[in-house]
Amino acid sequence: MVNATLAPEPTERAARESSAAPGGRARVRHRRRQVVAAYLFLAPALLFYAVFLALPLGFALLLSTSRWAGFDLGDIDPVGLDNFAGLFADGARFLTPVLTNTLLFAVGTVALSLAGSVLVATCIDKLRFQGLWRTLYFLPIVTTVVAVGNVWKYMYQPGGLVNGVLNAAGLGSVAFLQDPDTALPAVVVVQAWASVGSAILVLTAGLKSIPETYYEAAALDGAGPATVFWRITLPLLRPSLLFVCVTQFLTGLQSFALIIVMTRGGPGDATDVAALEMYWQAFSYGDWGTASAAAFVLFTVVLAVTLVQLWLFRRKGEDA
């Protein structure tokens, strides 16, 4: 009875016998050679990620718990969690206004770009020459951020195009980039405008994937355009909206180049965001420990926001 209990299963016994046979050993050797060949082909990519991702990440983690001025590696002084504590200490600027500005900038960018891209993509889907319109809206994506920022910076000037339009409408000029109350919204508008093109490409592809039979059935039922949009288009467009929302939010949270070109964080600290603050701490103040700690805090915020977005979309019925 004991022997029957401890005896291997027939399939296991057959596998052992087949592997013990000459043919089975050959197959095992062949499989091992395939595994070795696979890892040899993956070695360049793994080496690239090790050198440019794993090592910098580990070094940044070391710096986040150290004090270093950025010159001699022998001067790295471990300080534990003091850098993280300093970010959130009384009187520190990282939580307010830096992190607050970062979240407001990301939320504003996502809201404007998502609303604009959905509207434009829906309109383009009903027009002729759709490729031409998509190309025109995609042009800001292939334009350098420095060029976009400088063009809009001059457009926001008191004598620029934006204030010229306001003056023609009988309104007074606005110091968009010089007023702390309008500087951040002004940059948000530029970031949203520049990111609409990529969102339109994704959303138009999502619109093309919606079967026409749904719209035909809605037309037979007498549904109006607004009902069709809210009841059919938006629910079936949810996977594309999720992708656009997550990617745009990540871009907004990590924004740096546009802000340093247009405002350099000013006036005052009205547009100072986390990525820009890390730049100042590391390259202007020589405090690489604080900059690295801020980078890990920003990473935590990005991860948390992404997980919340995924959870909200899954809660609404989309298994993304």
Foldseek 3Di string as FASTA:
>chain_A
DVCVVPDDDPVVVVLVVLCPDPNNVVVVVVVVVVVVVVVVVCVVVVVVCCVPPVVVVVVLVQLLQWWFLPDDPVPTGGNGNVLVCQCPDPPHCCVPPAAVLLQVLLVLLLVLLLVVLVVVLVVLLPDPPSVVVLVVQQVLVPDDLLVLLVVLLQQLPQPHVVQVVCVVVVHHRDNQCADLVRNSVSLSVSSNSSPNSVLNVLQNVLVVPQDCVVVVVCVVVVDDPVCCCVPPSVVSSLVSSLVSSLVSSVCSSQDDDSCCSRHLCDPVNSNNYLNSVLCCVCPVVSGSNSSSNSVVVSVVVSVVVNVVSCVVSVVVPDND
